[in-house]
PDB file of all heavy atoms in Angstrom:
ATOM      1  N   ILE A   1     140.902  98.010 108.613  1.00  0.00           N
ATOM      2  CA  ILE A   1     140.326  96.673 108.629  1.00  0.00           C
ATOM      3  C   ILE A   1     140.318  96.064 107.075  1.00  0.00           C
ATOM      4  O   ILE A   1     140.339  94.887 106.949  1.00  0.00           O
ATOM      5  CB  ILE A   1     138.789  96.681 109.147  1.00  0.00           C
ATOM      6  CG1 ILE A   1     138.451  95.158 109.701  1.00  0.00           C
ATOM      7  CG2 ILE A   1     137.870  97.312 108.312  1.00  0.00           C
ATOM      8  CD1 ILE A   1     139.255  94.640 110.822  1.00  0.00           C
ATOM      9  N   ALA A   2     140.152  97.061 106.080  1.00  0.00           N
ATOM     10  CA  ALA A   2     140.141  96.547 104.680  1.00  0.00           C
ATOM     11  C   ALA A   2     141.542  96.009 104.272  1.00  0.00           C
ATOM     12  O   ALA A   2     141.617  95.172 103.577  1.00  0.00           O
ATOM     13  CB  ALA A   2     139.666  97.702 103.807  1.00  0.00           C
ATOM     14  N   VAL A   3     142.484  96.629 104.982  1.00  0.00           N
ATOM     15  CA  VAL A   3     143.845  96.149 104.658  1.00  0.00           C
ATOM     16  C   VAL A   3     144.039  94.821 105.210  1.00  0.00           C
ATOM     17  O   VAL A   3     144.644  93.869 104.558  1.00  0.00           O
ATOM     18  CB  VAL A   3     144.966  97.098 105.107  1.00  0.00           C
ATOM     19  CG1 VAL A   3     146.405  96.551 105.044  1.00  0.00           C
ATOM     20  CG2 VAL A   3     144.918  98.538 104.510  1.00  0.00           C
ATOM     21  N   LEU A   4     143.557  94.667 106.430  1.00  0.00           N
ATOM     22  CA  LEU A   4     143.660  93.327 107.088  1.00  0.00           C
ATOM     23  C   LEU A   4     142.899  92.222 106.228  1.00  0.00           C
ATOM     24  O   LEU A   4     143.374  91.084 106.130  1.00  0.00           O
ATOM     25  CB  LEU A   4     143.030  93.450 108.488  1.00  0.00           C
ATOM     26  CG  LEU A   4     143.031  92.170 109.346  1.00  0.00           C
ATOM     27  CD1 LEU A   4     144.381  91.660 109.562  1.00  0.00           C
ATOM     28  CD2 LEU A   4     142.182  92.287 110.681  1.00  0.00           C
ATOM     29  N   PHE A   5     141.775  92.586 105.680  1.00  0.00           N
ATOM     30  CA  PHE A   5     141.085  91.660 104.852  1.00  0.00           C
ATOM     31  C   PHE A   5     141.921  91.149 103.773  1.00  0.00           C
ATOM     32  O   PHE A   5     141.860  89.966 103.282  1.00  0.00           O
ATOM     33  CB  PHE A   5     139.670  92.300 104.261  1.00  0.00           C
ATOM     34  CG  PHE A   5     138.673  92.461 105.381  1.00  0.00           C
ATOM     35  CD1 PHE A   5     137.709  93.546 105.186  1.00  0.00           C
ATOM     36  CD2 PHE A   5     138.681  91.657 106.499  1.00  0.00           C
ATOM     37  CE1 PHE A   5     136.793  93.716 106.061  1.00  0.00           C
ATOM     38  CE2 PHE A   5     137.551  91.933 107.424  1.00  0.00           C
ATOM     39  CZ  PHE A   5     136.730  92.936 107.203  1.00  0.00           C
ATOM     40  N   VAL A   6     142.730  92.079 103.050  1.00  0.00           N
ATOM     41  CA  VAL A   6     143.584  91.757 101.894  1.00  0.00           C
ATOM     42  C   VAL A   6     144.704  90.924 102.483  1.00  0.00           C
ATOM     43  O   VAL A   6     144.961  89.854 101.744  1.00  0.00           O
ATOM     44  CB  VAL A   6     144.122  93.038 101.266  1.00  0.00           C
ATOM     45  CG1 VAL A   6     145.124  92.664 100.207  1.00  0.00           C
ATOM     46  CG2 VAL A   6     143.038  93.876 100.717  1.00  0.00           C
ATOM     47  N   VAL A   7     145.269  91.301 103.599  1.00  0.00           N
ATOM     48  CA  VAL A   7     146.274  90.346 104.152  1.00  0.00           C
ATOM     49  C   VAL A   7     145.802  89.049 104.376  1.00  0.00           C
ATOM     50  O   VAL A   7     146.522  88.001 104.061  1.00  0.00           O
ATOM     51  CB  VAL A   7     146.894  91.045 105.343  1.00  0.00           C
ATOM     52  CG1 VAL A   7     147.974  90.030 105.972  1.00  0.00           C
ATOM     53  CG2 VAL A   7     147.542  92.452 104.894  1.00  0.00           C
ATOM     54  N   VAL A   8     144.745  88.858 105.084  1.00  0.00           N
ATOM     55  CA  VAL A   8     144.114  87.605 105.405  1.00  0.00           C
ATOM     56  C   VAL A   8     143.971  86.714 104.077  1.00  0.00           C
ATOM     57  O   VAL A   8     144.259  85.487 104.115  1.00  0.00           O
ATOM     58  CB  VAL A   8     142.923  87.686 106.133  1.00  0.00           C
ATOM     59  CG1 VAL A   8     142.086  86.311 106.278  1.00  0.00           C
ATOM     60  CG2 VAL A   8     143.143  88.272 107.583  1.00  0.00           C
ATOM     61  N   ARG A   9     143.388  87.278 103.103  1.00  0.00           N
ATOM     62  CA  ARG A   9     143.124  86.599 101.800  1.00  0.00           C
ATOM     63  C   ARG A   9     144.383  86.085 101.185  1.00  0.00           C
ATOM     64  O   ARG A   9     144.561  85.036 100.635  1.00  0.00           O
ATOM     65  CB  ARG A   9     142.283  87.343 100.774  1.00  0.00           C
ATOM     66  CG  ARG A   9     140.779  87.461 101.174  1.00  0.00           C
ATOM     67  CD  ARG A   9     140.005  88.225 100.146  1.00  0.00           C
ATOM     68  NE  ARG A   9     138.612  88.261 100.359  1.00  0.00           N
ATOM     69  CZ  ARG A   9     137.710  87.277  99.772  1.00  0.00           C
ATOM     70  NH1 ARG A   9     138.355  86.485  98.880  1.00  0.00           N
ATOM     71  NH2 ARG A   9     136.560  87.350 100.037  1.00  0.00           N
ATOM     72  N   ALA A  10     145.407  87.051 101.259  1.00  0.00           N
ATOM     73  CA  ALA A  10     146.728  86.638 100.683  1.00  0.00           C
ATOM     74  C   ALA A  10     147.420  85.631 101.409  1.00  0.00           C
ATOM     75  O   ALA A  10     147.894  84.633 100.789  1.00  0.00           O
ATOM     76  CB  ALA A  10     147.648  87.995 100.689  1.00  0.00           C
ATOM     77  N   VAL A  11     147.310  85.629 102.800  1.00  0.00           N
ATOM     78  CA  VAL A  11     147.909  84.565 103.572  1.00  0.00           C
ATOM     79  C   VAL A  11     147.270  83.267 103.427  1.00  0.00           C
ATOM     80  O   VAL A  11     147.807  82.177 103.280  1.00  0.00           O
ATOM     81  CB  VAL A  11     147.955  84.961 104.974  1.00  0.00           C
ATOM     82  CG1 VAL A  11     148.312  83.791 105.907  1.00  0.00           C
ATOM     83  CG2 VAL A  11     148.844  86.185 105.281  1.00  0.00           C
ATOM     84  N   THR A  12     145.846  83.239 103.268  1.00  0.00           N
ATOM     85  CA  THR A  12     145.124  82.000 103.115  1.00  0.00           C
ATOM     86  C   THR A  12     145.018  81.563 101.715  1.00  0.00           C
ATOM     87  O   THR A  12     144.272  80.588 101.331  1.00  0.00           O
ATOM     88  CB  THR A  12     143.701  82.250 103.800  1.00  0.00           C
ATOM     89  OG1 THR A  12     143.056  83.213 102.985  1.00  0.00           O
ATOM     90  CG2 THR A  12     143.861  82.477 105.129  1.00  0.00           C
ATOM     91  N   ARG A  13     145.587  82.355 100.797  1.00  0.00           N
ATOM     92  CA  ARG A  13     145.538  82.122  99.194  1.00  0.00           C
ATOM     93  C   ARG A  13     144.146  81.944  98.846  1.00  0.00           C
ATOM     94  O   ARG A  13     143.746  81.132  97.921  1.00  0.00           O
ATOM     95  CB  ARG A  13     146.334  80.725  99.038  1.00  0.00           C
ATOM     96  CG  ARG A  13     147.802  80.908  99.415  1.00  0.00           C
ATOM     97  CD  ARG A  13     148.682  79.717  98.970  1.00  0.00           C
ATOM     98  NE  ARG A  13     149.981  79.772  99.212  1.00  0.00           N
ATOM     99  CZ  ARG A  13     150.867  78.775  99.048  1.00  0.00           C
ATOM    100  NH1 ARG A  13     150.612  77.753  98.380  1.00  0.00           N
ATOM    101  NH2 ARG A  13     152.298  79.077  99.177  1.00  0.00           N
ATOM    102  N   SER A  14     143.256  82.888  99.230  1.00  0.00           N
ATOM    103  CA  SER A  14     141.967  82.988  98.757  1.00  0.00           C
ATOM    104  C   SER A  14     141.983  84.091  97.704  1.00  0.00           C
ATOM    105  O   SER A  14     142.912  84.799  97.572  1.00  0.00           O
ATOM    106  CB  SER A  14     140.975  83.388 100.004  1.00  0.00           C
ATOM    107  OG  SER A  14     141.035  82.509 100.966  1.00  0.00           O
ATOM    108  N   PRO A  15     140.945  84.077  96.835  1.00  0.00           N
ATOM    109  CA  PRO A  15     140.813  85.109  95.852  1.00  0.00           C
ATOM    110  C   PRO A  15     140.928  86.528  96.392  1.00  0.00           C
ATOM    111  O   PRO A  15     140.101  86.852  97.328  1.00  0.00           O
ATOM    112  CB  PRO A  15     139.459  84.925  95.116  1.00  0.00           C
ATOM    113  CG  PRO A  15     139.192  83.448  95.497  1.00  0.00           C
ATOM    114  CD  PRO A  15     139.831  83.073  96.755  1.00  0.00           C
ATOM    115  N   ILE A  16     141.965  87.197  96.014  1.00  0.00           N
ATOM    116  CA  ILE A  16     142.305  88.543  96.727  1.00  0.00           C
ATOM    117  C   ILE A  16     141.589  89.648  96.008  1.00  0.00           C
ATOM    118  O   ILE A  16     141.412  90.713  96.651  1.00  0.00           O
ATOM    119  CB  ILE A  16     143.747  88.680  96.643  1.00  0.00           C
ATOM    120  CG1 ILE A  16     144.276  89.742  97.670  1.00  0.00           C
ATOM    121  CG2 ILE A  16     144.291  89.121  95.292  1.00  0.00           C
ATOM    122  CD1 ILE A  16     145.677  89.852  97.927  1.00  0.00           C
ATOM    123  N   LEU A  17     141.051  89.571  94.829  1.00  0.00           N
ATOM    124  CA  LEU A  17     140.510  90.675  94.167  1.00  0.00           C
ATOM    125  C   LEU A  17     139.325  91.255  94.806  1.00  0.00           C
ATOM    126  O   LEU A  17     139.333  92.594  94.838  1.00  0.00           O
ATOM    127  CB  LEU A  17     140.069  90.339  92.680  1.00  0.00           C
ATOM    128  CG  LEU A  17     139.608  91.403  91.828  1.00  0.00           C
ATOM    129  CD1 LEU A  17     140.650  92.503  91.667  1.00  0.00           C
ATOM    130  CD2 LEU A  17     139.216  90.736  90.379  1.00  0.00           C
ATOM    131  N   PRO A  18     138.406  90.604  95.434  1.00  0.00           N
ATOM    132  CA  PRO A  18     137.296  91.232  96.045  1.00  0.00           C
ATOM    133  C   PRO A  18     137.792  92.180  97.214  1.00  0.00           C
ATOM    134  O   PRO A  18     137.094  93.266  97.350  1.00  0.00           O
ATOM    135  CB  PRO A  18     136.336  89.989  96.563  1.00  0.00           C
ATOM    136  CG  PRO A  18     136.798  88.832  95.646  1.00  0.00           C
ATOM    137  CD  PRO A  18     138.200  89.109  95.275  1.00  0.00           C
ATOM    138  N   ALA A  19     138.764  91.625  98.018  1.00  0.00           N
ATOM    139  CA  ALA A  19     139.173  92.469  99.150  1.00  0.00           C
ATOM    140  C   ALA A  19     139.929  93.687  98.465  1.00  0.00           C
ATOM    141  O   ALA A  19     139.831  94.746  99.152  1.00  0.00           O
ATOM    142  CB  ALA A  19     140.011  91.493  99.971  1.00  0.00           C
ATOM    143  N   VAL A  20     140.621  93.583  97.517  1.00  0.00           N
ATOM    144  CA  VAL A  20     141.521  94.680  96.964  1.00  0.00           C
ATOM    145  C   VAL A  20     140.442  95.796  96.342  1.00  0.00           C
ATOM    146  O   VAL A  20     140.577  96.918  96.677  1.00  0.00           O
ATOM    147  CB  VAL A  20     142.423  94.168  95.829  1.00  0.00           C
ATOM    148  CG1 VAL A  20     142.959  95.456  95.118  1.00  0.00           C
ATOM    149  CG2 VAL A  20     143.482  93.326  96.411  1.00  0.00           C
ATOM    150  N   VAL A  21     139.437  95.290  95.835  1.00  0.00           N
ATOM    151  CA  VAL A  21     138.452  96.269  95.168  1.00  0.00           C
ATOM    152  C   VAL A  21     137.683  96.949  96.441  1.00  0.00           C
ATOM    153  O   VAL A  21     137.564  98.280  96.349  1.00  0.00           O
ATOM    154  CB  VAL A  21     137.302  95.566  94.288  1.00  0.00           C
ATOM    155  CG1 VAL A  21     136.161  96.421  94.022  1.00  0.00           C
ATOM    156  CG2 VAL A  21     137.932  94.939  93.090  1.00  0.00           C
ATOM    157  N   GLY A  22     137.445  96.144  97.429  1.00  0.00           N
ATOM    158  CA  GLY A  22     136.829  96.878  98.604  1.00  0.00           C
ATOM    159  C   GLY A  22     137.868  97.808  99.333  1.00  0.00           C
ATOM    160  O   GLY A  22     137.409  98.991  99.705  1.00  0.00           O
ATOM    161  N   LEU A  23     139.029  97.523  99.332  1.00  0.00           N
ATOM    162  CA  LEU A  23     140.012  98.477  99.897  1.00  0.00           C
ATOM    163  C   LEU A  23     140.139  99.753  99.116  1.00  0.00           C
ATOM    164  O   LEU A  23     140.133 100.858  99.629  1.00  0.00           O
ATOM    165  CB  LEU A  23     141.343  97.728 100.025  1.00  0.00           C
ATOM    166  CG  LEU A  23     142.518  98.624 100.372  1.00  0.00           C
ATOM    167  CD1 LEU A  23     142.380  99.200 101.756  1.00  0.00           C
ATOM    168  CD2 LEU A  23     143.869  97.747 100.340  1.00  0.00           C
ATOM    169  N   VAL A  24     140.202  99.503  97.819  1.00  0.00           N
ATOM    170  CA  VAL A  24     140.273 100.743  96.898  1.00  0.00           C
ATOM    171  C   VAL A  24     139.136 101.822  97.080  1.00  0.00           C
ATOM    172  O   VAL A  24     139.178 102.856  97.324  1.00  0.00           O
ATOM    173  CB  VAL A  24     140.349 100.381  95.379  1.00  0.00           C
ATOM    174  CG1 VAL A  24     140.249 101.605  94.540  1.00  0.00           C
ATOM    175  CG2 VAL A  24     141.736  99.610  95.176  1.00  0.00           C
ATOM    176  N   GLY A  25     137.922 101.023  97.198  1.00  0.00           N
ATOM    177  CA  GLY A  25     136.589 101.959  97.368  1.00  0.00           C
ATOM    178  C   GLY A  25     136.648 102.603  98.788  1.00  0.00           C
ATOM    179  O   GLY A  25     136.336 103.787  98.880  1.00  0.00           O
ATOM    180  N   ILE A  26     137.102 101.861  99.781  1.00  0.00           N
ATOM    181  CA  ILE A  26     137.048 102.422 101.132  1.00  0.00           C
ATOM    182  C   ILE A  26     138.200 103.447 101.214  1.00  0.00           C
ATOM    183  O   ILE A  26     137.974 104.628 101.878  1.00  0.00           O
ATOM    184  CB  ILE A  26     137.277 101.332 102.147  1.00  0.00           C
ATOM    185  CG1 ILE A  26     136.074 100.449 102.197  1.00  0.00           C
ATOM    186  CG2 ILE A  26     137.701 101.898 103.557  1.00  0.00           C
ATOM    187  CD1 ILE A  26     136.310  99.163 102.976  1.00  0.00           C
ATOM    188  N   ALA A  27     139.307 103.263 100.624  1.00  0.00           N
ATOM    189  CA  ALA A  27     140.483 104.261 100.760  1.00  0.00           C
ATOM    190  C   ALA A  27     140.100 105.645  99.907  1.00  0.00           C
ATOM    191  O   ALA A  27     140.352 106.614 100.403  1.00  0.00           O
ATOM    192  CB  ALA A  27     141.674 103.597 100.051  1.00  0.00           C
ATOM    193  N   LEU A  28     139.425 105.404  98.777  1.00  0.00           N
ATOM    194  CA  LEU A  28     139.013 106.569  98.073  1.00  0.00           C
ATOM    195  C   LEU A  28     137.878 107.471  98.835  1.00  0.00           C
ATOM    196  O   LEU A  28     138.061 108.588  98.914  1.00  0.00           O
ATOM    197  CB  LEU A  28     138.331 106.251  96.631  1.00  0.00           C
ATOM    198  CG  LEU A  28     139.445 105.737  95.680  1.00  0.00           C
ATOM    199  CD1 LEU A  28     138.689 105.170  94.270  1.00  0.00           C
ATOM    200  CD2 LEU A  28     140.373 106.812  95.385  1.00  0.00           C
TER     201      LEU A  28
END
C-alpha cells in the first residue's frame, strides 16, 4: 500500500517525498 501511495503521488504530480519517506520506513 505504501508503494501504491508513491505511485499515486507520482501520477497526480503531488509532492512525492512524504510518500517515499513513509515507504522507506515501512520497508525497513
